[in-house]
């Protein structure tokens, strides 16, 4: 994701909002640190995307037994000059 952000950063207007998705935490953490340490963005928020599927059966509902532990991670923020 860092290479993609570097390529697209010029196209984003100042005060523009952005969101970056990555299925893995570490590559997105590199983007977070670059933007934070460089002072390129404010209100940086990194969140994990977790989707819990439910099985609906007659007279009972419960989460699926075999689920993925994560749906990936999102980094969002606002570009500054």
PDB file of N, CA and C in Angstrom:
ATOM      1  N   UNK A   1       0.799  -1.222   0.000  1.00  0.00           N
ATOM      2  CA  UNK A   1       0.000   0.000   0.000  1.00  0.00           C
ATOM      3  C   UNK A   1       0.838   1.281   0.000  1.00  0.00           C
ATOM      4  N   UNK A   2       2.075   1.222   0.494  1.00  0.00           N
ATOM      5  CA  UNK A   2       2.890   2.428   0.547  1.00  0.00           C
ATOM      6  C   UNK A   2       3.182   2.960  -0.849  1.00  0.00           C
ATOM      7  N   UNK A   3       3.494   2.075  -1.770  1.00  0.00           N
ATOM      8  CA  UNK A   3       3.778   2.510  -3.142  1.00  0.00           C
ATOM      9  C   UNK A   3       2.545   3.144  -3.785  1.00  0.00           C
ATOM     10  N   UNK A   4       1.390   2.570  -3.550  1.00  0.00           N
ATOM     11  CA  UNK A   4       0.148   3.119  -4.110  1.00  0.00           C
ATOM     12  C   UNK A   4      -0.139   4.497  -3.525  1.00  0.00           C
ATOM     13  N   UNK A   5       0.039   4.655  -2.222  1.00  0.00           N
ATOM     14  CA  UNK A   5      -0.203   5.960  -1.589  1.00  0.00           C
ATOM     15  C   UNK A   5       0.776   6.992  -2.133  1.00  0.00           C
ATOM     16  N   UNK A   6       2.042   6.619  -2.277  1.00  0.00           N
ATOM     17  CA  UNK A   6       3.033   7.562  -2.814  1.00  0.00           C
ATOM     18  C   UNK A   6       2.666   8.014  -4.218  1.00  0.00           C
ATOM     19  N   UNK A   7       2.184   7.094  -5.048  1.00  0.00           N
ATOM     20  CA  UNK A   7       1.809   7.445  -6.428  1.00  0.00           C
ATOM     21  C   UNK A   7       0.572   8.336  -6.484  1.00  0.00           C
ATOM     22  N   UNK A   8      -0.389   8.083  -5.601  1.00  0.00           N
ATOM     23  CA  UNK A   8      -1.667   8.800  -5.661  1.00  0.00           C
ATOM     24  C   UNK A   8      -1.711  10.049  -4.791  1.00  0.00           C
ATOM     25  N   UNK A   9      -0.744  10.227  -3.909  1.00  0.00           N
ATOM     26  CA  UNK A   9      -0.772  11.336  -2.953  1.00  0.00           C
ATOM     27  C   UNK A   9      -0.827  12.690  -3.653  1.00  0.00           C
ATOM     28  N   UNK A  10      -0.124  12.829  -4.769  1.00  0.00           N
ATOM     29  CA  UNK A  10      -0.101  14.100  -5.511  1.00  0.00           C
ATOM     30  C   UNK A  10      -1.487  14.473  -6.028  1.00  0.00           C
ATOM     31  N   UNK A  11      -2.306  13.465  -6.319  1.00  0.00           N
ATOM     32  CA  UNK A  11      -3.633  13.713  -6.890  1.00  0.00           C
ATOM     33  C   UNK A  11      -4.662  14.148  -5.843  1.00  0.00           C
ATOM     34  N   UNK A  12      -4.355  13.912  -4.576  1.00  0.00           N
ATOM     35  CA  UNK A  12      -5.290  14.242  -3.501  1.00  0.00           C
ATOM     36  C   UNK A  12      -5.136  15.706  -3.116  1.00  0.00           C
ATOM     37  N   UNK A  13      -6.230  16.435  -3.107  1.00  0.00           N
ATOM     38  CA  UNK A  13      -6.209  17.848  -2.730  1.00  0.00           C
ATOM     39  C   UNK A  13      -5.941  18.015  -1.238  1.00  0.00           C
ATOM     40  N   UNK A  14      -5.329  19.142  -0.848  1.00  0.00           N
ATOM     41  CA  UNK A  14      -5.181  19.417   0.578  1.00  0.00           C
ATOM     42  C   UNK A  14      -6.563  19.410   1.251  1.00  0.00           C
ATOM     43  N   UNK A  15      -6.633  18.915   2.437  1.00  0.00           N
ATOM     44  CA  UNK A  15      -7.876  18.728   3.206  1.00  0.00           C
ATOM     45  C   UNK A  15      -8.734  17.605   2.652  1.00  0.00           C
ATOM     46  N   UNK A  16      -8.198  16.855   1.692  1.00  0.00           N
ATOM     47  CA  UNK A  16      -8.937  15.724   1.141  1.00  0.00           C
ATOM     48  C   UNK A  16      -8.862  14.515   2.057  1.00  0.00           C
ATOM     49  N   UNK A  17      -9.960  13.811   2.167  1.00  0.00           N
ATOM     50  CA  UNK A  17      -9.998  12.591   2.970  1.00  0.00           C
ATOM     51  C   UNK A  17      -9.513  11.413   2.145  1.00  0.00           C
ATOM     52  N   UNK A  18      -8.887  10.464   2.812  1.00  0.00           N
ATOM     53  CA  UNK A  18      -8.427   9.265   2.127  1.00  0.00           C
ATOM     54  C   UNK A  18      -8.677   8.048   3.007  1.00  0.00           C
ATOM     55  N   UNK A  19      -8.732   6.899   2.363  1.00  0.00           N
ATOM     56  CA  UNK A  19      -8.888   5.623   3.062  1.00  0.00           C
ATOM     57  C   UNK A  19      -8.098   4.585   2.285  1.00  0.00           C
ATOM     58  N   UNK A  20      -7.283   3.813   2.993  1.00  0.00           N
ATOM     59  CA  UNK A  20      -6.448   2.786   2.379  1.00  0.00           C
ATOM     60  C   UNK A  20      -6.793   1.454   3.046  1.00  0.00           C
ATOM     61  N   UNK A  21      -7.058   0.442   2.241  1.00  0.00           N
ATOM     62  CA  UNK A  21      -7.361  -0.895   2.763  1.00  0.00           C
ATOM     63  C   UNK A  21      -6.192  -1.824   2.489  1.00  0.00           C
ATOM     64  N   UNK A  22      -5.914  -2.706   3.452  1.00  0.00           N
ATOM     65  CA  UNK A  22      -4.898  -3.734   3.263  1.00  0.00           C
ATOM     66  C   UNK A  22      -5.310  -4.955   4.088  1.00  0.00           C
ATOM     67  N   UNK A  23      -5.161  -6.140   3.537  1.00  0.00           N
ATOM     68  CA  UNK A  23      -5.526  -7.330   4.309  1.00  0.00           C
ATOM     69  C   UNK A  23      -4.554  -7.632   5.447  1.00  0.00           C
ATOM     70  N   UNK A  24      -3.384  -6.976   5.452  1.00  0.00           N
ATOM     71  CA  UNK A  24      -2.362  -7.240   6.471  1.00  0.00           C
ATOM     72  C   UNK A  24      -2.018  -5.967   7.229  1.00  0.00           C
ATOM     73  N   UNK A  25      -1.710  -6.099   8.495  1.00  0.00           N
ATOM     74  CA  UNK A  25      -1.470  -4.954   9.354  1.00  0.00           C
ATOM     75  C   UNK A  25      -0.132  -4.274   9.101  1.00  0.00           C
ATOM     76  N   UNK A  26       0.944  -5.028   8.995  1.00  0.00           N
ATOM     77  CA  UNK A  26       2.290  -4.444   8.948  1.00  0.00           C
ATOM     78  C   UNK A  26       2.498  -3.504   7.759  1.00  0.00           C
ATOM     79  N   UNK A  27       2.111  -3.874   6.520  1.00  0.00           N
ATOM     80  CA  UNK A  27       2.296  -2.921   5.422  1.00  0.00           C
ATOM     81  C   UNK A  27       1.513  -1.620   5.635  1.00  0.00           C
ATOM     82  N   UNK A  28       0.339  -1.717   6.221  1.00  0.00           N
ATOM     83  CA  UNK A  28      -0.465  -0.521   6.462  1.00  0.00           C
ATOM     84  C   UNK A  28       0.140   0.311   7.588  1.00  0.00           C
ATOM     85  N   UNK A  29       0.769  -0.343   8.538  1.00  0.00           N
ATOM     86  CA  UNK A  29       1.443   0.369   9.616  1.00  0.00           C
ATOM     87  C   UNK A  29       2.605   1.198   9.067  1.00  0.00           C
ATOM     88  N   UNK A  30       3.288   0.701   8.044  1.00  0.00           N
ATOM     89  CA  UNK A  30       4.359   1.469   7.400  1.00  0.00           C
ATOM     90  C   UNK A  30       3.809   2.753   6.788  1.00  0.00           C
ATOM     91  N   UNK A  31       2.644   2.667   6.143  1.00  0.00           N
ATOM     92  CA  UNK A  31       2.013   3.852   5.564  1.00  0.00           C
ATOM     93  C   UNK A  31       1.647   4.835   6.671  1.00  0.00           C
ATOM     94  N   UNK A  32       1.069   4.331   7.744  1.00  0.00           N
ATOM     95  CA  UNK A  32       0.690   5.162   8.889  1.00  0.00           C
ATOM     96  C   UNK A  32       1.901   5.930   9.424  1.00  0.00           C
ATOM     97  N   UNK A  33       3.003   5.231   9.621  1.00  0.00           N
ATOM     98  CA  UNK A  33       4.205   5.869  10.170  1.00  0.00           C
ATOM     99  C   UNK A  33       4.783   6.907   9.217  1.00  0.00           C
ATOM    100  N   UNK A  34       4.780   6.621   7.922  1.00  0.00           N
ATOM    101  CA  UNK A  34       5.284   7.589   6.927  1.00  0.00           C
ATOM    102  C   UNK A  34       4.453   8.866   6.951  1.00  0.00           C
ATOM    103  N   UNK A  35       3.134   8.723   6.959  1.00  0.00           N
ATOM    104  CA  UNK A  35       2.263   9.897   6.946  1.00  0.00           C
ATOM    105  C   UNK A  35       2.359  10.674   8.256  1.00  0.00           C
ATOM    106  N   UNK A  36       2.415   9.968   9.376  1.00  0.00           N
ATOM    107  CA  UNK A  36       2.502  10.617  10.686  1.00  0.00           C
ATOM    108  C   UNK A  36       3.846  11.321  10.862  1.00  0.00           C
ATOM    109  N   UNK A  37       4.927  10.609  10.600  1.00  0.00           N
ATOM    110  CA  UNK A  37       6.263  11.173  10.820  1.00  0.00           C
ATOM    111  C   UNK A  37       6.583  12.299   9.845  1.00  0.00           C
ATOM    112  N   UNK A  38       6.030  12.228   8.636  1.00  0.00           N
ATOM    113  CA  UNK A  38       6.264  13.267   7.644  1.00  0.00           C
ATOM    114  C   UNK A  38       5.350  14.463   7.799  1.00  0.00           C
ATOM    115  N   UNK A  39       4.363  14.371   8.674  1.00  0.00           N
ATOM    116  CA  UNK A  39       3.423  15.468   8.859  1.00  0.00           C
ATOM    117  C   UNK A  39       2.530  15.688   7.660  1.00  0.00           C
ATOM    118  N   UNK A  40       2.280  14.627   6.909  1.00  0.00           N
ATOM    119  CA  UNK A  40       1.491  14.740   5.682  1.00  0.00           C
ATOM    120  C   UNK A  40      -0.005  14.609   5.908  1.00  0.00           C
ATOM    121  N   UNK A  41      -0.410  14.115   7.083  1.00  0.00           N
ATOM    122  CA  UNK A  41      -1.826  13.863   7.320  1.00  0.00           C
ATOM    123  C   UNK A  41      -2.161  14.050   8.798  1.00  0.00           C
ATOM    124  N   UNK A  42      -3.417  14.355   9.048  1.00  0.00           N
ATOM    125  CA  UNK A  42      -3.923  14.483  10.412  1.00  0.00           C
ATOM    126  C   UNK A  42      -5.121  13.553  10.576  1.00  0.00           C
ATOM    127  N   UNK A  43      -5.537  13.387  11.800  1.00  0.00           N
ATOM    128  CA  UNK A  43      -6.670  12.520  12.147  1.00  0.00           C
ATOM    129  C   UNK A  43      -6.493  11.123  11.567  1.00  0.00           C
ATOM    130  N   UNK A  44      -5.282  10.594  11.673  1.00  0.00           N
ATOM    131  CA  UNK A  44      -5.012   9.250  11.187  1.00  0.00           C
ATOM    132  C   UNK A  44      -5.673   8.231  12.115  1.00  0.00           C
ATOM    133  N   UNK A  45      -6.414   7.338  11.521  1.00  0.00           N
ATOM    134  CA  UNK A  45      -7.097   6.294  12.277  1.00  0.00           C
ATOM    135  C   UNK A  45      -6.873   4.968  11.562  1.00  0.00           C
ATOM    136  N   UNK A  46      -6.379   3.973  12.307  1.00  0.00           N
ATOM    137  CA  UNK A  46      -6.222   2.642  11.753  1.00  0.00           C
ATOM    138  C   UNK A  46      -7.209   1.718  12.473  1.00  0.00           C
ATOM    139  N   UNK A  47      -8.013   1.014  11.689  1.00  0.00           N
ATOM    140  CA  UNK A  47      -9.051   0.150  12.253  1.00  0.00           C
ATOM    141  C   UNK A  47      -9.010  -1.211  11.582  1.00  0.00           C
ATOM    142  N   UNK A  48      -9.403  -2.221  12.330  1.00  0.00           N
ATOM    143  CA  UNK A  48      -9.537  -3.518  11.681  1.00  0.00           C
ATOM    144  C   UNK A  48     -10.989  -3.707  11.255  1.00  0.00           C
ATOM    145  N   UNK A  49     -11.154  -4.362  10.139  1.00  0.00           N
ATOM    146  CA  UNK A  49     -12.484  -4.618   9.587  1.00  0.00           C
ATOM    147  C   UNK A  49     -12.845  -6.041   9.980  1.00  0.00           C
ATOM    148  N   UNK A  50     -13.865  -6.169  10.761  1.00  0.00           N
ATOM    149  CA  UNK A  50     -14.240  -7.491  11.238  1.00  0.00           C
ATOM    150  C   UNK A  50     -15.698  -7.717  10.943  1.00  0.00           C
ATOM    151  N   UNK A  51     -15.959  -8.711  10.160  1.00  0.00           N
ATOM    152  CA  UNK A  51     -17.325  -9.045   9.788  1.00  0.00           C
ATOM    153  C   UNK A  51     -17.688 -10.373  10.436  1.00  0.00           C
ATOM    154  N   UNK A  52     -18.729 -10.374  11.197  1.00  0.00           N
ATOM    155  CA  UNK A  52     -19.170 -11.600  11.857  1.00  0.00           C
ATOM    156  C   UNK A  52     -20.434 -12.090  11.169  1.00  0.00           C
ATOM    157  N   UNK A  53     -20.337 -13.256  10.581  1.00  0.00           N
ATOM    158  CA  UNK A  53     -21.492 -13.845   9.918  1.00  0.00           C
ATOM    159  C   UNK A  53     -22.271 -14.689  10.922  1.00  0.00           C
ATOM    160  N   UNK A  54     -23.579 -14.691  10.757  1.00  0.00           N
ATOM    161  CA  UNK A  54     -24.443 -15.453  11.647  1.00  0.00           C
ATOM    162  C   UNK A  54     -25.172 -16.535  10.870  1.00  0.00           C
ATOM    163  N   UNK A  55     -25.354 -17.644  11.526  1.00  0.00           N
ATOM    164  CA  UNK A  55     -26.133 -18.734  10.964  1.00  0.00           C
ATOM    165  C   UNK A  55     -27.533 -18.652  11.578  1.00  0.00           C
ATOM    166  N   UNK A  56     -28.526 -18.571  10.725  1.00  0.00           N
ATOM    167  CA  UNK A  56     -29.907 -18.475  11.188  1.00  0.00           C
ATOM    168  C   UNK A  56     -30.602 -19.791  10.879  1.00  0.00           C
ATOM    169  N   UNK A  57     -31.033 -20.473  11.944  1.00  0.00           N
ATOM    170  CA  UNK A  57     -31.739 -21.741  11.829  1.00  0.00           C
ATOM    171  C   UNK A  57     -33.067 -21.624  12.564  1.00  0.00           C
ATOM    172  N   UNK A  58     -33.974 -22.507  12.317  1.00  0.00           N
ATOM    173  CA  UNK A  58     -35.249 -22.446  13.048  1.00  0.00           C
ATOM    174  C   UNK A  58     -35.017 -22.472  14.567  1.00  0.00           C
ATOM    175  N   UNK A  59     -35.572 -21.509  15.262  1.00  0.00           N
ATOM    176  CA  UNK A  59     -35.518 -21.400  16.722  1.00  0.00           C
ATOM    177  C   UNK A  59     -34.126 -21.129  17.291  1.00  0.00           C
ATOM    178  N   UNK A  60     -33.159 -20.768  16.470  1.00  0.00           N
ATOM    179  CA  UNK A  60     -31.835 -20.431  17.004  1.00  0.00           C
ATOM    180  C   UNK A  60     -31.022 -19.646  15.979  1.00  0.00           C
ATOM    181  N   UNK A  61     -30.210 -18.771  16.492  1.00  0.00           N
ATOM    182  CA  UNK A  61     -29.301 -17.968  15.680  1.00  0.00           C
ATOM    183  C   UNK A  61     -27.983 -17.860  16.442  1.00  0.00           C
ATOM    184  N   UNK A  62     -26.879 -18.075  15.742  1.00  0.00           N
ATOM    185  CA  UNK A  62     -25.574 -17.971  16.406  1.00  0.00           C
ATOM    186  C   UNK A  62     -24.497 -17.659  15.373  1.00  0.00           C
ATOM    187  N   UNK A  63     -23.331 -17.162  15.831  1.00  0.00           N
ATOM    188  CA  UNK A  63     -22.245 -16.893  14.885  1.00  0.00           C
ATOM    189  C   UNK A  63     -21.790 -18.188  14.221  1.00  0.00           C
ATOM    190  N   UNK A  64     -21.319 -18.070  13.001  1.00  0.00           N
ATOM    191  CA  UNK A  64     -20.787 -19.252  12.319  1.00  0.00           C
ATOM    192  C   UNK A  64     -19.627 -19.817  13.123  1.00  0.00           C
ATOM    193  N   UNK A  65     -19.502 -21.112  13.113  1.00  0.00           N
ATOM    194  CA  UNK A  65     -18.466 -21.771  13.903  1.00  0.00           C
ATOM    195  C   UNK A  65     -17.089 -21.516  13.296  1.00  0.00           C
ATOM    196  N   UNK A  66     -16.939 -21.645  12.007  1.00  0.00           N
ATOM    197  CA  UNK A  66     -15.648 -21.450  11.345  1.00  0.00           C
ATOM    198  C   UNK A  66     -15.674 -20.096  10.632  1.00  0.00           C
ATOM    199  N   UNK A  67     -14.974 -19.122  11.209  1.00  0.00           N
ATOM    200  CA  UNK A  67     -14.938 -17.777  10.625  1.00  0.00           C
ATOM    201  C   UNK A  67     -13.503 -17.321  10.474  1.00  0.00           C
ATOM    202  N   UNK A  68     -13.271 -16.434   9.540  1.00  0.00           N
ATOM    203  CA  UNK A  68     -11.973 -15.786   9.419  1.00  0.00           C
ATOM    204  C   UNK A  68     -11.802 -14.853  10.610  1.00  0.00           C
ATOM    205  N   UNK A  69     -10.572 -14.746  11.093  1.00  0.00           N
ATOM    206  CA  UNK A  69     -10.354 -13.919  12.277  1.00  0.00           C
ATOM    207  C   UNK A  69     -10.296 -12.431  11.939  1.00  0.00           C
ATOM    208  N   UNK A  70     -10.100 -12.073  10.684  1.00  0.00           N
ATOM    209  CA  UNK A  70     -10.047 -10.662  10.329  1.00  0.00           C
ATOM    210  C   UNK A  70     -10.535 -10.441   8.905  1.00  0.00           C
ATOM    211  N   UNK A  71     -10.970  -9.225   8.650  1.00  0.00           N
ATOM    212  CA  UNK A  71     -11.393  -8.850   7.312  1.00  0.00           C
ATOM    213  C   UNK A  71     -10.427  -7.852   6.706  1.00  0.00           C
ATOM    214  N   UNK A  72      -9.293  -7.612   7.367  1.00  0.00           N
ATOM    215  CA  UNK A  72      -8.315  -6.665   6.882  1.00  0.00           C
ATOM    216  C   UNK A  72      -8.279  -5.417   7.744  1.00  0.00           C
ATOM    217  N   UNK A  73      -7.570  -4.412   7.279  1.00  0.00           N
ATOM    218  CA  UNK A  73      -7.364  -3.178   8.036  1.00  0.00           C
ATOM    219  C   UNK A  73      -7.551  -1.974   7.134  1.00  0.00           C
ATOM    220  N   UNK A  74      -8.026  -0.876   7.719  1.00  0.00           N
ATOM    221  CA  UNK A  74      -8.224   0.383   6.996  1.00  0.00           C
ATOM    222  C   UNK A  74      -7.485   1.496   7.710  1.00  0.00           C
ATOM    223  N   UNK A  75      -6.846   2.351   6.931  1.00  0.00           N
ATOM    224  CA  UNK A  75      -6.207   3.558   7.436  1.00  0.00           C
ATOM    225  C   UNK A  75      -6.911   4.738   6.782  1.00  0.00           C
ATOM    226  N   UNK A  76      -7.365   5.676   7.581  1.00  0.00           N
ATOM    227  CA  UNK A  76      -8.011   6.856   7.030  1.00  0.00           C
ATOM    228  C   UNK A  76      -7.433   8.100   7.677  1.00  0.00           C
ATOM    229  N   UNK A  77      -7.608   9.213   7.006  1.00  0.00           N
ATOM    230  CA  UNK A  77      -7.109  10.470   7.520  1.00  0.00           C
ATOM    231  C   UNK A  77      -7.412  11.612   6.571  1.00  0.00           C
ATOM    232  N   UNK A  78      -6.797  12.777   6.846  1.00  0.00           N
ATOM    233  CA  UNK A  78      -6.985  13.980   6.047  1.00  0.00           C
ATOM    234  C   UNK A  78      -5.619  14.501   5.648  1.00  0.00           C
ATOM    235  N   UNK A  79      -5.452  14.804   4.370  1.00  0.00           N
ATOM    236  CA  UNK A  79      -4.180  15.305   3.866  1.00  0.00           C
ATOM    237  C   UNK A  79      -3.988  16.760   4.287  1.00  0.00           C
ATOM    238  N   UNK A  80      -2.761  17.082   4.696  1.00  0.00           N
ATOM    239  CA  UNK A  80      -2.396  18.474   4.991  1.00  0.00           C
ATOM    240  C   UNK A  80      -1.229  18.857   4.109  1.00  0.00           C
ATOM    241  N   UNK A  81      -0.974  20.154   4.004  1.00  0.00           N
ATOM    242  CA  UNK A  81       0.134  20.631   3.171  1.00  0.00           C
ATOM    243  C   UNK A  81       1.472  20.271   3.743  1.00  0.00           C
TER     244      UNK A  81
END
